[in-house]
Amino acid sequence: PSPRFRRTIGPWAGFHFDPAGKALTAEEWGRRRDEFMPSEADRAHVTSLMRRVVEPGKIAGWIAPPERGINAQPLDYEYVRL
């Protein structure tokens, strides 16, 4: 989306724009907002995907795995020993 879309701070705060950056009136934004913004069902679906993973060497499914660990260590390196 355009840097103007969904701004609450900065020079574009208080104005309404579509994702492409086209200026909208407050009335048009109110009518079309649901086209641009996620619904409660969308938010619930994303939340359902975000599950905590704490096993060593495992990475949550919603995070892209890094190419390597810190200081080129393997991904399953035990950084903290308890």
C-alpha atoms as a PDB file:
ATOM      1  CA  PRO A   1       0.000   0.000   0.000  1.00  0.00           C
ATOM      2  CA  SER A   2       0.867   3.621  -0.338  1.00  0.00           C
ATOM      3  CA  PRO A   3       2.691   5.218   2.613  1.00  0.00           C
ATOM      4  CA  ARG A   4      -0.381   7.466   2.911  1.00  0.00           C
ATOM      5  CA  PHE A   5      -2.742   4.536   3.578  1.00  0.00           C
ATOM      6  CA  ARG A   6      -3.889   4.032   7.187  1.00  0.00           C
ATOM      7  CA  ARG A   7      -1.694   6.706   8.727  1.00  0.00           C
ATOM      8  CA  THR A   8      -2.382   7.847  12.260  1.00  0.00           C
ATOM      9  CA  ILE A   9       0.769   9.961  12.614  1.00  0.00           C
ATOM     10  CA  GLY A  10       2.806  12.219  10.377  1.00  0.00           C
ATOM     11  CA  PRO A  11       1.744  14.598   7.620  1.00  0.00           C
ATOM     12  CA  TRP A  12      -1.044  12.306   6.331  1.00  0.00           C
ATOM     13  CA  ALA A  13      -2.744  11.836   9.719  1.00  0.00           C
ATOM     14  CA  GLY A  14      -6.385  12.876   9.672  1.00  0.00           C
ATOM     15  CA  PHE A  15      -6.767  12.327   5.913  1.00  0.00           C
ATOM     16  CA  HIS A  16      -8.277   9.289   4.197  1.00  0.00           C
ATOM     17  CA  PHE A  17      -6.650   7.336   1.351  1.00  0.00           C
ATOM     18  CA  ASP A  18      -7.208   4.014  -0.385  1.00  0.00           C
ATOM     19  CA  PRO A  19      -4.346   1.448  -0.473  1.00  0.00           C
ATOM     20  CA  ALA A  20      -3.100   2.937  -3.767  1.00  0.00           C
ATOM     21  CA  GLY A  21      -2.797   6.378  -2.148  1.00  0.00           C
ATOM     22  CA  LYS A  22      -5.847   8.002  -3.787  1.00  0.00           C
ATOM     23  CA  ALA A  23      -7.439  10.629  -1.546  1.00  0.00           C
ATOM     24  CA  LEU A  24     -10.918   9.769  -0.253  1.00  0.00           C
ATOM     25  CA  THR A  25     -13.532  11.864   1.464  1.00  0.00           C
ATOM     26  CA  ALA A  26     -14.485  10.875   4.999  1.00  0.00           C
ATOM     27  CA  GLU A  27     -17.844   9.648   3.677  1.00  0.00           C
ATOM     28  CA  GLU A  28     -16.225   7.535   0.948  1.00  0.00           C
ATOM     29  CA  TRP A  29     -13.731   6.112   3.473  1.00  0.00           C
ATOM     30  CA  GLY A  30     -16.623   5.190   5.766  1.00  0.00           C
ATOM     31  CA  ARG A  31     -18.442   3.407   2.928  1.00  0.00           C
ATOM     32  CA  ARG A  32     -15.389   1.574   1.566  1.00  0.00           C
ATOM     33  CA  ARG A  33     -13.374   0.937   4.726  1.00  0.00           C
ATOM     34  CA  ASP A  34     -14.341  -2.756   4.877  1.00  0.00           C
ATOM     35  CA  GLU A  35     -12.889  -3.228   1.372  1.00  0.00           C
ATOM     36  CA  PHE A  36      -9.466  -2.150   2.627  1.00  0.00           C
ATOM     37  CA  MET A  37      -9.233  -3.212   6.257  1.00  0.00           C
ATOM     38  CA  PRO A  38      -9.213  -6.760   7.676  1.00  0.00           C
ATOM     39  CA  SER A  39     -12.475  -8.046   9.128  1.00  0.00           C
ATOM     40  CA  GLU A  40     -12.792  -9.602  12.571  1.00  0.00           C
ATOM     41  CA  ALA A  41     -12.849 -13.015  10.836  1.00  0.00           C
ATOM     42  CA  ASP A  42      -9.560 -12.136   9.086  1.00  0.00           C
ATOM     43  CA  ARG A  43      -8.000 -11.107  12.402  1.00  0.00           C
ATOM     44  CA  ALA A  44      -9.222 -14.296  14.104  1.00  0.00           C
ATOM     45  CA  HIS A  45      -7.744 -16.421  11.309  1.00  0.00           C
ATOM     46  CA  VAL A  46      -4.340 -14.724  11.544  1.00  0.00           C
ATOM     47  CA  THR A  47      -4.391 -15.085  15.334  1.00  0.00           C
ATOM     48  CA  SER A  48      -5.159 -18.808  14.959  1.00  0.00           C
ATOM     49  CA  LEU A  49      -2.005 -19.222  12.853  1.00  0.00           C
ATOM     50  CA  MET A  50       0.257 -17.588  15.417  1.00  0.00           C
ATOM     51  CA  ARG A  51       1.048 -20.427  17.808  1.00  0.00           C
ATOM     52  CA  ARG A  52       3.845 -20.332  20.353  1.00  0.00           C
ATOM     53  CA  VAL A  53       6.786 -22.663  19.666  1.00  0.00           C
ATOM     54  CA  VAL A  54       9.416 -23.168  22.371  1.00  0.00           C
ATOM     55  CA  GLU A  55      11.124 -26.436  21.395  1.00  0.00           C
ATOM     56  CA  PRO A  56      14.837 -26.067  20.601  1.00  0.00           C
ATOM     57  CA  GLY A  57      15.485 -26.016  16.868  1.00  0.00           C
ATOM     58  CA  LYS A  58      11.826 -25.369  15.983  1.00  0.00           C
ATOM     59  CA  ILE A  59      10.499 -22.161  14.462  1.00  0.00           C
ATOM     60  CA  ALA A  60       6.895 -20.983  14.479  1.00  0.00           C
ATOM     61  CA  GLY A  61       5.102 -21.554  11.182  1.00  0.00           C
ATOM     62  CA  TRP A  62       4.271 -17.867  10.779  1.00  0.00           C
ATOM     63  CA  ILE A  63       7.936 -16.778  10.928  1.00  0.00           C
ATOM     64  CA  ALA A  64      10.330 -17.319   8.035  1.00  0.00           C
ATOM     65  CA  PRO A  65      13.303 -19.360   9.253  1.00  0.00           C
ATOM     66  CA  PRO A  66      16.679 -17.612   9.104  1.00  0.00           C
ATOM     67  CA  GLU A  67      19.383 -18.919   6.803  1.00  0.00           C
ATOM     68  CA  ARG A  68      21.662 -19.495   9.794  1.00  0.00           C
ATOM     69  CA  GLY A  69      21.799 -18.883  13.512  1.00  0.00           C
ATOM     70  CA  ILE A  70      23.589 -16.115  15.379  1.00  0.00           C
ATOM     71  CA  ASN A  71      27.340 -16.038  14.615  1.00  0.00           C
ATOM     72  CA  ALA A  72      26.781 -18.723  11.941  1.00  0.00           C
ATOM     73  CA  GLN A  73      25.708 -21.269  14.565  1.00  0.00           C
ATOM     74  CA  PRO A  74      23.283 -24.004  13.458  1.00  0.00           C
ATOM     75  CA  LEU A  75      19.605 -23.201  13.979  1.00  0.00           C
ATOM     76  CA  ASP A  76      19.281 -25.779  16.760  1.00  0.00           C
ATOM     77  CA  TYR A  77      22.291 -24.389  18.668  1.00  0.00           C
ATOM     78  CA  GLU A  78      21.615 -24.182  22.410  1.00  0.00           C
ATOM     79  CA  TYR A  79      22.217 -20.473  23.078  1.00  0.00           C
ATOM     80  CA  VAL A  80      21.007 -20.670  26.673  1.00  0.00           C
ATOM     81  CA  ARG A  81      21.776 -23.564  28.966  1.00  0.00           C
ATOM     82  CA  LEU A  82      19.505 -23.962  31.938  1.00  0.00           C
END
